Amino acid sequence: MLHGPGRHSVDFSDICRADDIWAALGPKPNGPWCVVLSANRNKPEIRIVMSMITLREITAATVRVVCALETREEQKRFVAPNALSIAQAYFEPRAIFRAVYADEVPVGFVMWKPADEAEVAYLWRLMIDHNHQKMGYAKQAITQLINLLRDAGYRRMQTSVVLGDGGPLDFYRSIGFVETDAMLANGERVLTRSL
């Protein structure tokens, strides 16, 4: 039994998902977080720990770990593996890619490049590993990227998505992207947003 803030005791023996914990305890904090349950049997407690999200260069020491990050099986049709993204970036001189870190743990990958239009950046790839999804990391990674792009003089960001059930369209809408009428040659819908 654990005691939630302003709530009665909660039996966590049947709760295994973070969303279930929040349903029992109350509102989930904004931003990347994790729940830490104490190991003290005499006085169990919950602490909410906010993770610091950063975008870091991928090095020879980290490339294997970043390439091992994967989406859930049903998401794989919506985003390329990180190894393929890194390989593609080496043949696109304008591409920039970074690992997404939560504190000191690599949790995802992001890649962008200048678009053909002035002051527009193209978000080429974004992925968060299946073990680290639903924690606000993708939204915070986009916030970090927006800050970088603004500092570099960009005013808009575009991306494109594969349409379909379980795809990323709703996520992108939730962070300010809007659909355009444009489609890429591969059938992906183009989205855009102001920075």
Protein backbone atom coordinates (compact mmCIF):
# COMPACT_ATOMS: atom_id res chain seq x y z
CA MET A 1 0.00 0.00 0.00
CA LEU A 2 1.20 3.47 -0.88
CA HIS A 3 -0.37 6.79 -0.07
CA GLY A 4 -0.94 9.22 -2.90
CA PRO A 5 -1.08 12.96 -2.37
CA GLY A 6 -4.51 13.87 -1.07
CA ARG A 7 -5.79 10.35 -1.74
CA HIS A 8 -6.52 7.20 0.18
CA SER A 9 -4.13 4.26 0.24
CA VAL A 10 -3.51 2.67 -3.12
CA ASP A 11 -2.71 -1.01 -3.54
CA PHE A 12 -0.07 -1.22 -6.28
CA SER A 13 0.05 -5.00 -6.45
CA ASP A 14 -2.28 -5.00 -9.46
CA ILE A 15 -0.89 -1.89 -11.13
CA CYS A 16 1.90 -2.36 -13.62
CA ARG A 17 1.58 0.60 -16.00
CA ALA A 18 2.58 4.19 -15.23
CA ASP A 19 -0.78 5.45 -16.55
CA ASP A 20 -2.52 3.25 -13.97
CA ILE A 21 -0.40 4.76 -11.21
CA TRP A 22 -1.41 8.28 -12.29
CA ALA A 23 -5.06 7.24 -12.43
CA ALA A 24 -4.75 6.11 -8.80
CA LEU A 25 -2.73 9.09 -7.55
CA GLY A 26 -4.04 12.07 -9.42
CA PRO A 27 -2.80 14.45 -12.12
CA LYS A 28 0.41 13.54 -13.90
CA PRO A 29 3.03 16.31 -13.97
CA ASN A 30 3.87 17.97 -17.29
CA GLY A 31 7.14 17.04 -18.93
CA PRO A 32 9.38 13.99 -18.86
CA TRP A 33 9.05 12.10 -15.60
CA CYS A 34 9.40 8.76 -13.96
CA VAL A 35 7.88 7.25 -10.85
CA VAL A 36 10.26 5.99 -8.20
CA LEU A 37 8.84 3.63 -5.62
CA SER A 38 10.87 3.35 -2.43
CA ALA A 39 12.15 -0.04 -1.37
CA ASN A 40 11.53 0.72 2.30
CA ARG A 41 8.83 -1.74 3.41
CA ASN A 42 8.24 0.17 6.65
CA LYS A 43 7.51 3.47 4.93
CA PRO A 44 6.76 3.06 1.22
CA GLU A 45 6.48 6.25 -0.75
CA ILE A 46 6.36 7.56 -4.28
CA ARG A 47 8.63 10.23 -5.66
CA ILE A 48 8.17 11.90 -9.01
CA VAL A 49 11.50 12.46 -10.74
CA MET A 50 11.68 14.79 -13.72
CA SER A 51 14.21 13.81 -16.40
CA MET A 52 16.40 16.35 -18.18
CA ILE A 53 16.04 15.89 -21.95
CA THR A 54 19.01 16.82 -24.12
CA LEU A 55 19.99 16.35 -27.76
CA ARG A 56 23.55 15.03 -28.02
CA GLU A 57 25.94 14.22 -30.80
CA ILE A 58 26.29 10.54 -31.56
CA THR A 59 29.86 9.32 -31.20
CA ALA A 60 31.76 6.12 -31.92
CA ALA A 61 31.18 5.23 -28.27
CA THR A 62 27.38 5.71 -28.45
CA VAL A 63 26.39 4.78 -32.01
CA ARG A 64 25.67 1.11 -31.23
CA VAL A 65 23.40 1.97 -28.31
CA VAL A 66 21.51 4.53 -30.39
CA CYS A 67 21.16 2.10 -33.30
CA ALA A 68 19.73 -0.52 -30.90
CA LEU A 69 16.84 1.78 -29.92
CA GLU A 70 13.57 0.59 -31.48
CA THR A 71 9.94 1.56 -31.70
CA ARG A 72 7.16 -0.90 -30.91
CA GLU A 73 6.64 -3.52 -33.62
CA GLU A 74 3.42 -1.90 -34.88
CA GLN A 75 5.20 1.47 -35.22
CA LYS A 76 8.04 0.24 -37.40
CA ARG A 77 6.19 1.04 -40.64
CA PHE A 78 6.07 4.71 -39.62
CA VAL A 79 9.77 5.42 -38.96
CA ALA A 80 13.04 4.01 -40.28
CA PRO A 81 15.54 2.31 -37.97
CA ASN A 82 18.19 4.63 -36.55
CA ALA A 83 21.02 2.82 -38.35
CA LEU A 84 19.35 3.55 -41.70
CA SER A 85 18.75 7.18 -40.70
CA ILE A 86 22.41 7.67 -39.78
CA ALA A 87 23.50 6.05 -43.06
CA GLN A 88 21.16 8.33 -45.03
CA ALA A 89 22.52 11.38 -43.21
CA TYR A 90 26.02 10.61 -44.43
CA PHE A 91 24.76 10.97 -48.01
CA GLU A 92 22.88 14.22 -47.28
CA PRO A 93 25.55 16.78 -46.33
CA ARG A 94 22.98 19.17 -44.82
CA ALA A 95 21.52 16.59 -42.42
CA ILE A 96 22.08 16.95 -38.68
CA PHE A 97 21.21 14.15 -36.27
CA ARG A 98 21.32 13.76 -32.51
CA ALA A 99 20.51 11.18 -29.87
CA VAL A 100 17.73 12.11 -27.47
CA TYR A 101 18.88 11.60 -23.87
CA ALA A 102 16.82 11.46 -20.69
CA ASP A 103 19.46 12.40 -18.13
CA GLU A 104 22.30 10.03 -19.09
CA VAL A 105 20.20 7.43 -20.90
CA PRO A 106 19.78 7.47 -24.70
CA VAL A 107 16.05 7.15 -25.38
CA GLY A 108 15.58 8.30 -28.97
CA PHE A 109 16.83 9.86 -32.16
CA VAL A 110 16.10 13.06 -34.10
CA MET A 111 17.34 14.21 -37.51
CA TRP A 112 16.69 17.41 -39.47
CA LYS A 113 18.01 19.43 -42.39
CA PRO A 114 17.34 22.76 -44.08
CA ALA A 115 14.27 22.61 -46.31
CA ASP A 116 14.32 23.96 -49.86
CA GLU A 117 12.55 27.14 -48.67
CA ALA A 118 14.54 29.80 -46.81
CA GLU A 119 14.17 29.85 -43.00
CA VAL A 120 12.43 26.44 -42.99
CA ALA A 121 13.87 23.33 -41.36
CA TYR A 122 12.70 19.83 -42.25
CA LEU A 123 12.31 17.35 -39.39
CA TRP A 124 13.38 14.21 -41.17
CA ARG A 125 13.19 11.68 -38.34
CA LEU A 126 12.01 11.46 -34.75
CA MET A 127 11.78 8.29 -32.74
CA ILE A 128 11.60 7.33 -29.09
CA ASP A 129 12.46 3.79 -28.02
CA HIS A 130 9.48 1.62 -27.09
CA ASN A 131 10.74 1.31 -23.50
CA HIS A 132 10.69 5.10 -23.08
CA GLN A 133 7.45 6.13 -24.78
CA LYS A 134 4.51 7.87 -23.07
CA MET A 135 6.81 9.85 -20.76
CA GLY A 136 6.87 13.17 -22.58
CA TYR A 137 10.32 12.63 -24.10
CA ALA A 138 9.27 13.21 -27.73
CA LYS A 139 7.51 16.47 -26.90
CA GLN A 140 10.50 17.70 -24.91
CA ALA A 141 12.90 16.65 -27.68
CA ILE A 142 10.86 18.72 -30.15
CA THR A 143 10.99 21.65 -27.72
CA GLN A 144 14.79 21.34 -27.59
CA LEU A 145 14.95 21.15 -31.38
CA ILE A 146 12.70 24.20 -31.78
CA ASN A 147 15.05 26.18 -29.53
CA LEU A 148 18.07 25.11 -31.62
CA LEU A 149 16.33 25.98 -34.86
CA ARG A 150 15.18 29.40 -33.63
CA ASP A 151 18.73 30.18 -32.53
CA ALA A 152 19.92 29.21 -36.03
CA GLY A 153 17.44 31.64 -37.63
CA TYR A 154 14.71 29.26 -38.75
CA ARG A 155 11.09 30.46 -38.60
CA ARG A 156 9.17 27.34 -39.62
CA MET A 157 9.53 23.59 -39.37
CA GLN A 158 8.09 20.98 -41.71
CA THR A 159 7.87 17.24 -41.39
CA SER A 160 6.04 14.45 -43.14
CA VAL A 161 4.21 11.41 -41.85
CA VAL A 162 3.07 8.05 -43.09
CA LEU A 163 -0.70 8.07 -42.62
CA GLY A 164 -2.44 5.17 -40.90
CA ASP A 165 -3.82 3.84 -37.64
CA GLY A 166 -1.25 4.08 -34.87
CA GLY A 167 0.81 6.60 -36.82
CA PRO A 168 2.36 9.83 -35.54
CA LEU A 169 -0.15 12.29 -37.04
CA ASP A 170 -2.04 12.90 -33.77
CA PHE A 171 1.22 13.44 -31.89
CA TYR A 172 2.39 16.06 -34.37
CA ARG A 173 -0.99 17.80 -34.29
CA SER A 174 -0.78 17.92 -30.48
CA ILE A 175 2.49 19.87 -30.64
CA GLY A 176 1.35 22.49 -33.12
CA PHE A 177 1.86 20.97 -36.55
CA VAL A 178 -0.91 21.37 -39.12
CA GLU A 179 -1.51 19.31 -42.21
CA THR A 180 -0.92 20.80 -45.62
CA ASP A 181 -2.30 19.63 -48.95
CA ALA A 182 1.20 18.61 -50.03
CA MET A 183 2.24 14.98 -50.31
CA LEU A 184 5.74 13.64 -50.90
CA ALA A 185 6.42 11.29 -53.80
CA ASN A 186 6.48 8.38 -51.32
CA GLY A 187 2.91 9.20 -50.17
CA GLU A 188 3.77 10.91 -46.88
CA ARG A 189 1.62 13.88 -45.83
CA VAL A 190 3.53 17.15 -45.25
CA LEU A 191 2.95 19.00 -41.96
CA THR A 192 4.16 22.43 -40.93
CA ARG A 193 4.37 24.69 -37.88
CA SER A 194 5.74 28.08 -36.89
CA LEU A 195 8.71 28.30 -34.60
